[in-house]
């Protein structure tokens, strides 16, 4: 029997999804204009359940392809989430965290326009057929946050 230590927290994401994206056009600029677009995603487990990998495909901005790699550390009981896309071709610095009371919160560091930012991913409203992911950035070490990307997942299969 597999221990209930958090390694199953992302099992809900396995399968195929349609995603409605809302992405802030200008980040950290006081903008309230959003791009809205659809994407498709497929996610599968890897490493005997210690992680998963997904592909993200959209026609947004001339076409956008990305992937997330999620790995569970059984010692710390935390997840590391890495992102890569066809724009950079590199695995980005991860956000790290976990789930509590059905909400997953993950933090990491990012750079935007030469400025360091604190990054937060939040997974919420998880059901067998839907989920919501939000990304937010802070330039004041988490005192205030600007949400700049929201994904609304609907299960296809």
Foldseek 3Di string as FASTA:
>chain_A
DDDPLFLCLCVLQAAKKKKWKWFFPDPPPPGPDTDIFIWIKHKDAPDVSQWIKMWIWTCPPNIKIKMWIWGADSVVSKIWIWMDIPVPRDTDGTWMFGDDPAKTKTWDWDADPNAIWIKIWIWHPRDSFKIKIWIWIDRPVPPDIDTGMMMIIGHPD
